[in-house]
Amino acid sequence: MQTVSETPLEEGRLIRRMQLMMNLVMQTIAQDPSLSVDDASQMIADTKNAVLAMFPDKELAYEIIWRPRLQRLMQERFRLN
């Protein structure tokens, strides 16, 4: 398994991979009319697991950066309160 501490080049690759993955998930949730709330929630959980596998010590960063964005998207997309 790769870790962030390997090299700056590897870290950059992992960051770009994470950003691409998050953008794809967010676009899918926002644009797929057939996606259910449960499916979207599962995608978010799977994405969090993938991000934490790439960056094991960065759960707080995930919670600060990505969680609010995903919550806002879910609220907008599914009209959740």
C-alpha atoms as a PDB file:
ATOM      1  CA  MET A   1       0.000   0.000   0.000  1.00  0.00           C
ATOM      2  CA  GLN A   2       1.246   3.464  -0.836  1.00  0.00           C
ATOM      3  CA  THR A   3       1.559   6.085   1.839  1.00  0.00           C
ATOM      4  CA  VAL A   4       1.744   9.838   1.614  1.00  0.00           C
ATOM      5  CA  SER A   5       5.229   9.884   3.117  1.00  0.00           C
ATOM      6  CA  GLU A   6       6.851   8.034   0.183  1.00  0.00           C
ATOM      7  CA  THR A   7       7.754  10.987  -2.062  1.00  0.00           C
ATOM      8  CA  PRO A   8       6.318  14.363  -3.040  1.00  0.00           C
ATOM      9  CA  LEU A   9       5.668  12.943  -6.521  1.00  0.00           C
ATOM     10  CA  GLU A  10       3.696   9.997  -5.118  1.00  0.00           C
ATOM     11  CA  GLU A  11       1.812  12.321  -2.799  1.00  0.00           C
ATOM     12  CA  GLY A  12       0.868  14.503  -5.750  1.00  0.00           C
ATOM     13  CA  ARG A  13      -0.381  11.485  -7.659  1.00  0.00           C
ATOM     14  CA  LEU A  14      -2.469  10.328  -4.718  1.00  0.00           C
ATOM     15  CA  ILE A  15      -3.947  13.802  -4.279  1.00  0.00           C
ATOM     16  CA  ARG A  16      -4.875  14.011  -7.976  1.00  0.00           C
ATOM     17  CA  ARG A  17      -6.388  10.516  -7.836  1.00  0.00           C
ATOM     18  CA  MET A  18      -8.427  11.469  -4.782  1.00  0.00           C
ATOM     19  CA  GLN A  19      -9.628  14.716  -6.385  1.00  0.00           C
ATOM     20  CA  LEU A  20     -10.660  12.897  -9.558  1.00  0.00           C
ATOM     21  CA  MET A  21     -12.504  10.243  -7.564  1.00  0.00           C
ATOM     22  CA  MET A  22     -14.309  12.836  -5.438  1.00  0.00           C
ATOM     23  CA  ASN A  23     -15.278  14.885  -8.495  1.00  0.00           C
ATOM     24  CA  LEU A  24     -16.665  11.803 -10.246  1.00  0.00           C
ATOM     25  CA  VAL A  25     -18.675  10.789  -7.191  1.00  0.00           C
ATOM     26  CA  MET A  26     -20.058  14.288  -6.724  1.00  0.00           C
ATOM     27  CA  GLN A  27     -20.974  14.586 -10.409  1.00  0.00           C
ATOM     28  CA  THR A  28     -22.680  11.208 -10.355  1.00  0.00           C
ATOM     29  CA  ILE A  29     -24.710  12.099  -7.275  1.00  0.00           C
ATOM     30  CA  ALA A  30     -25.668  15.467  -8.733  1.00  0.00           C
ATOM     31  CA  GLN A  31     -26.522  14.293 -12.253  1.00  0.00           C
ATOM     32  CA  ASP A  32     -27.764  10.686 -12.192  1.00  0.00           C
ATOM     33  CA  PRO A  33     -31.567  10.862 -11.950  1.00  0.00           C
ATOM     34  CA  SER A  34     -31.856   7.124 -11.263  1.00  0.00           C
ATOM     35  CA  LEU A  35     -29.564   7.233  -8.220  1.00  0.00           C
ATOM     36  CA  SER A  36     -31.328   6.555  -4.921  1.00  0.00           C
ATOM     37  CA  VAL A  37     -30.474   8.132  -1.579  1.00  0.00           C
ATOM     38  CA  ASP A  38     -29.221   4.752  -0.348  1.00  0.00           C
ATOM     39  CA  ASP A  39     -26.991   4.275  -3.391  1.00  0.00           C
ATOM     40  CA  ALA A  40     -25.577   7.787  -3.052  1.00  0.00           C
ATOM     41  CA  SER A  41     -24.937   7.226   0.652  1.00  0.00           C
ATOM     42  CA  GLN A  42     -23.125   3.974  -0.129  1.00  0.00           C
ATOM     43  CA  MET A  43     -21.003   5.739  -2.759  1.00  0.00           C
ATOM     44  CA  ILE A  44     -20.011   8.336  -0.167  1.00  0.00           C
ATOM     45  CA  ALA A  45     -19.118   5.667   2.404  1.00  0.00           C
ATOM     46  CA  ASP A  46     -17.061   3.753  -0.168  1.00  0.00           C
ATOM     47  CA  THR A  47     -15.325   6.948  -1.237  1.00  0.00           C
ATOM     48  CA  LYS A  48     -14.427   7.803   2.360  1.00  0.00           C
ATOM     49  CA  ASN A  49     -12.932   4.337   2.811  1.00  0.00           C
ATOM     50  CA  ALA A  50     -10.894   4.761  -0.380  1.00  0.00           C
ATOM     51  CA  VAL A  51      -9.625   8.196   0.656  1.00  0.00           C
ATOM     52  CA  LEU A  52      -8.633   6.943   4.100  1.00  0.00           C
ATOM     53  CA  ALA A  53      -6.856   3.978   2.509  1.00  0.00           C
ATOM     54  CA  MET A  54      -4.778   6.446   0.469  1.00  0.00           C
ATOM     55  CA  PHE A  55      -4.300   8.869   3.379  1.00  0.00           C
ATOM     56  CA  PRO A  56      -4.650   6.855   6.614  1.00  0.00           C
ATOM     57  CA  ASP A  57      -3.810   9.710   8.987  1.00  0.00           C
ATOM     58  CA  LYS A  58      -6.055  12.304   7.347  1.00  0.00           C
ATOM     59  CA  GLU A  59      -9.547  11.498   8.613  1.00  0.00           C
ATOM     60  CA  LEU A  60      -9.877  14.925  10.228  1.00  0.00           C
ATOM     61  CA  ALA A  61      -8.972  16.594   6.930  1.00  0.00           C
ATOM     62  CA  TYR A  62     -11.610  14.484   5.165  1.00  0.00           C
ATOM     63  CA  GLU A  63     -14.207  15.474   7.769  1.00  0.00           C
ATOM     64  CA  ILE A  64     -13.358  19.165   7.399  1.00  0.00           C
ATOM     65  CA  ILE A  65     -13.010  19.343   3.606  1.00  0.00           C
ATOM     66  CA  TRP A  66     -15.122  16.663   1.950  1.00  0.00           C
ATOM     67  CA  ARG A  67     -17.868  15.781   4.425  1.00  0.00           C
ATOM     68  CA  PRO A  68     -19.553  19.229   4.379  1.00  0.00           C
ATOM     69  CA  ARG A  69     -19.452  19.306   0.567  1.00  0.00           C
ATOM     70  CA  LEU A  70     -20.998  15.867   0.316  1.00  0.00           C
ATOM     71  CA  GLN A  71     -23.640  16.676   2.932  1.00  0.00           C
ATOM     72  CA  ARG A  72     -24.580  19.854   1.082  1.00  0.00           C
ATOM     73  CA  LEU A  73     -24.792  17.950  -2.193  1.00  0.00           C
ATOM     74  CA  MET A  74     -27.021  15.274  -0.652  1.00  0.00           C
ATOM     75  CA  GLN A  75     -29.300  17.927   0.848  1.00  0.00           C
ATOM     76  CA  GLU A  76     -29.612  19.726  -2.483  1.00  0.00           C
ATOM     77  CA  ARG A  77     -30.000  16.618  -4.604  1.00  0.00           C
ATOM     78  CA  PHE A  78     -32.456  14.726  -2.418  1.00  0.00           C
ATOM     79  CA  ARG A  79     -34.056  17.682  -0.595  1.00  0.00           C
ATOM     80  CA  LEU A  80     -32.978  16.349   2.776  1.00  0.00           C
ATOM     81  CA  ASN A  81     -33.356  18.416   5.940  1.00  0.00           C
END
